[in-house]
Amino acid sequence: MSFKNEVGNRLKKLRLKAGLTQVELAKKSGLSVNFIGEVERGQRGISIKNLKKILLVISLSMDVEWNKFRDKFFEDLLDID
């Protein structure tokens, strides 16, 4: 699986776990619905700036402390112990 696909799959799982639609996530993050969908499908890469926007919205929706949420996302993505 490509890195873009891995990031997209993880973002989609987190978005769904947070109970957000792509439309809601787009509105709250200031990004387009098309962009969110393309990233989730692994059709488009994402900058750190836009990844942070998305992760902040998801962490707030899940009522999770930002630093722990961010660190866990990257640990899981990179398989860091």
C-alpha atoms as a PDB file:
ATOM      1  CA  MET A   1       0.000   0.000   0.000  1.00  0.00           C
ATOM      2  CA  SER A   2       1.335   3.439  -0.872  1.00  0.00           C
ATOM      3  CA  PHE A   3       1.965   6.073   1.760  1.00  0.00           C
ATOM      4  CA  LYS A   4      -0.834   8.242   0.304  1.00  0.00           C
ATOM      5  CA  ASN A   5      -3.258   5.321   0.607  1.00  0.00           C
ATOM      6  CA  GLU A   6      -2.150   4.604   4.172  1.00  0.00           C
ATOM      7  CA  VAL A   7      -2.652   8.225   5.230  1.00  0.00           C
ATOM      8  CA  GLY A   8      -6.014   8.371   3.466  1.00  0.00           C
ATOM      9  CA  ASN A   9      -7.251   5.136   5.044  1.00  0.00           C
ATOM     10  CA  ARG A  10      -6.262   6.273   8.514  1.00  0.00           C
ATOM     11  CA  LEU A  11      -7.894   9.670   8.055  1.00  0.00           C
ATOM     12  CA  LYS A  12     -11.125   8.079   6.851  1.00  0.00           C
ATOM     13  CA  LYS A  13     -11.229   5.677   9.808  1.00  0.00           C
ATOM     14  CA  LEU A  14     -10.643   8.528  12.239  1.00  0.00           C
ATOM     15  CA  ARG A  15     -13.246  10.735  10.556  1.00  0.00           C
ATOM     16  CA  LEU A  16     -15.842   7.981  10.784  1.00  0.00           C
ATOM     17  CA  LYS A  17     -14.881   7.227  14.394  1.00  0.00           C
ATOM     18  CA  ALA A  18     -15.411  10.923  15.172  1.00  0.00           C
ATOM     19  CA  GLY A  19     -18.869  10.724  13.565  1.00  0.00           C
ATOM     20  CA  LEU A  20     -18.076  13.283  10.873  1.00  0.00           C
ATOM     21  CA  THR A  21     -19.129  13.273   7.234  1.00  0.00           C
ATOM     22  CA  GLN A  22     -16.752  14.510   4.562  1.00  0.00           C
ATOM     23  CA  VAL A  23     -18.949  17.606   4.237  1.00  0.00           C
ATOM     24  CA  GLU A  24     -18.747  18.357   7.967  1.00  0.00           C
ATOM     25  CA  LEU A  25     -14.996  17.809   8.035  1.00  0.00           C
ATOM     26  CA  ALA A  26     -14.546  20.037   4.997  1.00  0.00           C
ATOM     27  CA  LYS A  27     -16.582  22.878   6.520  1.00  0.00           C
ATOM     28  CA  LYS A  28     -14.807  22.694   9.878  1.00  0.00           C
ATOM     29  CA  SER A  29     -11.312  22.414   8.388  1.00  0.00           C
ATOM     30  CA  GLY A  30     -11.766  24.989   5.624  1.00  0.00           C
ATOM     31  CA  LEU A  31     -10.873  22.430   2.944  1.00  0.00           C
ATOM     32  CA  SER A  32     -13.026  21.268   0.049  1.00  0.00           C
ATOM     33  CA  VAL A  33     -15.107  18.091   0.090  1.00  0.00           C
ATOM     34  CA  ASN A  34     -13.396  16.999  -3.132  1.00  0.00           C
ATOM     35  CA  PHE A  35      -9.982  17.409  -1.528  1.00  0.00           C
ATOM     36  CA  ILE A  36     -10.991  15.365   1.547  1.00  0.00           C
ATOM     37  CA  GLY A  37     -12.364  12.578  -0.673  1.00  0.00           C
ATOM     38  CA  GLU A  38      -9.291  12.489  -2.906  1.00  0.00           C
ATOM     39  CA  VAL A  39      -6.976  12.288   0.110  1.00  0.00           C
ATOM     40  CA  GLU A  40      -9.052   9.524   1.707  1.00  0.00           C
ATOM     41  CA  ARG A  41      -8.948   7.508  -1.529  1.00  0.00           C
ATOM     42  CA  GLY A  42      -5.184   7.979  -1.826  1.00  0.00           C
ATOM     43  CA  GLN A  43      -5.574   9.909  -5.069  1.00  0.00           C
ATOM     44  CA  ARG A  44      -3.915  13.008  -3.699  1.00  0.00           C
ATOM     45  CA  GLY A  45      -1.104  13.784  -1.299  1.00  0.00           C
ATOM     46  CA  ILE A  46      -1.564  16.127   1.628  1.00  0.00           C
ATOM     47  CA  SER A  47       0.667  18.813   3.099  1.00  0.00           C
ATOM     48  CA  ILE A  48       1.503  18.866   6.794  1.00  0.00           C
ATOM     49  CA  LYS A  49      -0.474  22.129   7.054  1.00  0.00           C
ATOM     50  CA  ASN A  50      -3.683  20.547   5.699  1.00  0.00           C
ATOM     51  CA  LEU A  51      -3.117  17.316   7.614  1.00  0.00           C
ATOM     52  CA  LYS A  52      -2.921  19.354  10.812  1.00  0.00           C
ATOM     53  CA  LYS A  53      -6.190  21.142   9.956  1.00  0.00           C
ATOM     54  CA  ILE A  54      -7.955  17.811   9.479  1.00  0.00           C
ATOM     55  CA  LEU A  55      -6.468  16.169  12.559  1.00  0.00           C
ATOM     56  CA  LEU A  56      -7.360  19.177  14.737  1.00  0.00           C
ATOM     57  CA  VAL A  57     -11.009  18.997  13.671  1.00  0.00           C
ATOM     58  CA  ILE A  58     -11.137  15.234  14.267  1.00  0.00           C
ATOM     59  CA  SER A  59      -9.446  15.467  17.668  1.00  0.00           C
ATOM     60  CA  LEU A  60     -11.845  18.213  18.782  1.00  0.00           C
ATOM     61  CA  SER A  61     -14.825  16.177  17.568  1.00  0.00           C
ATOM     62  CA  MET A  62     -13.570  13.171  19.526  1.00  0.00           C
ATOM     63  CA  ASP A  63     -12.780  15.346  22.577  1.00  0.00           C
ATOM     64  CA  VAL A  64      -9.204  14.070  22.610  1.00  0.00           C
ATOM     65  CA  GLU A  65      -6.195  16.099  23.732  1.00  0.00           C
ATOM     66  CA  TRP A  66      -4.438  17.354  20.604  1.00  0.00           C
ATOM     67  CA  ASN A  67      -0.808  16.429  21.377  1.00  0.00           C
ATOM     68  CA  LYS A  68      -1.635  12.847  22.345  1.00  0.00           C
ATOM     69  CA  PHE A  69      -3.912  12.460  19.330  1.00  0.00           C
ATOM     70  CA  ARG A  70      -1.295  13.836  16.923  1.00  0.00           C
ATOM     71  CA  ASP A  71       1.494  11.700  18.377  1.00  0.00           C
ATOM     72  CA  LYS A  72      -0.637   8.546  18.235  1.00  0.00           C
ATOM     73  CA  PHE A  73      -1.574   9.220  14.594  1.00  0.00           C
ATOM     74  CA  PHE A  74       2.052   9.487  13.513  1.00  0.00           C
ATOM     75  CA  GLU A  75       3.240   6.591  15.693  1.00  0.00           C
ATOM     76  CA  ASP A  76       0.617   4.338  14.132  1.00  0.00           C
ATOM     77  CA  LEU A  77       1.320   5.612  10.636  1.00  0.00           C
ATOM     78  CA  LEU A  78       5.047   5.078  10.923  1.00  0.00           C
ATOM     79  CA  ASP A  79       4.871   1.985  13.183  1.00  0.00           C
ATOM     80  CA  ILE A  80       6.992   3.617  15.847  1.00  0.00           C
ATOM     81  CA  ASP A  81       7.109   1.798  19.185  1.00  0.00           C
END
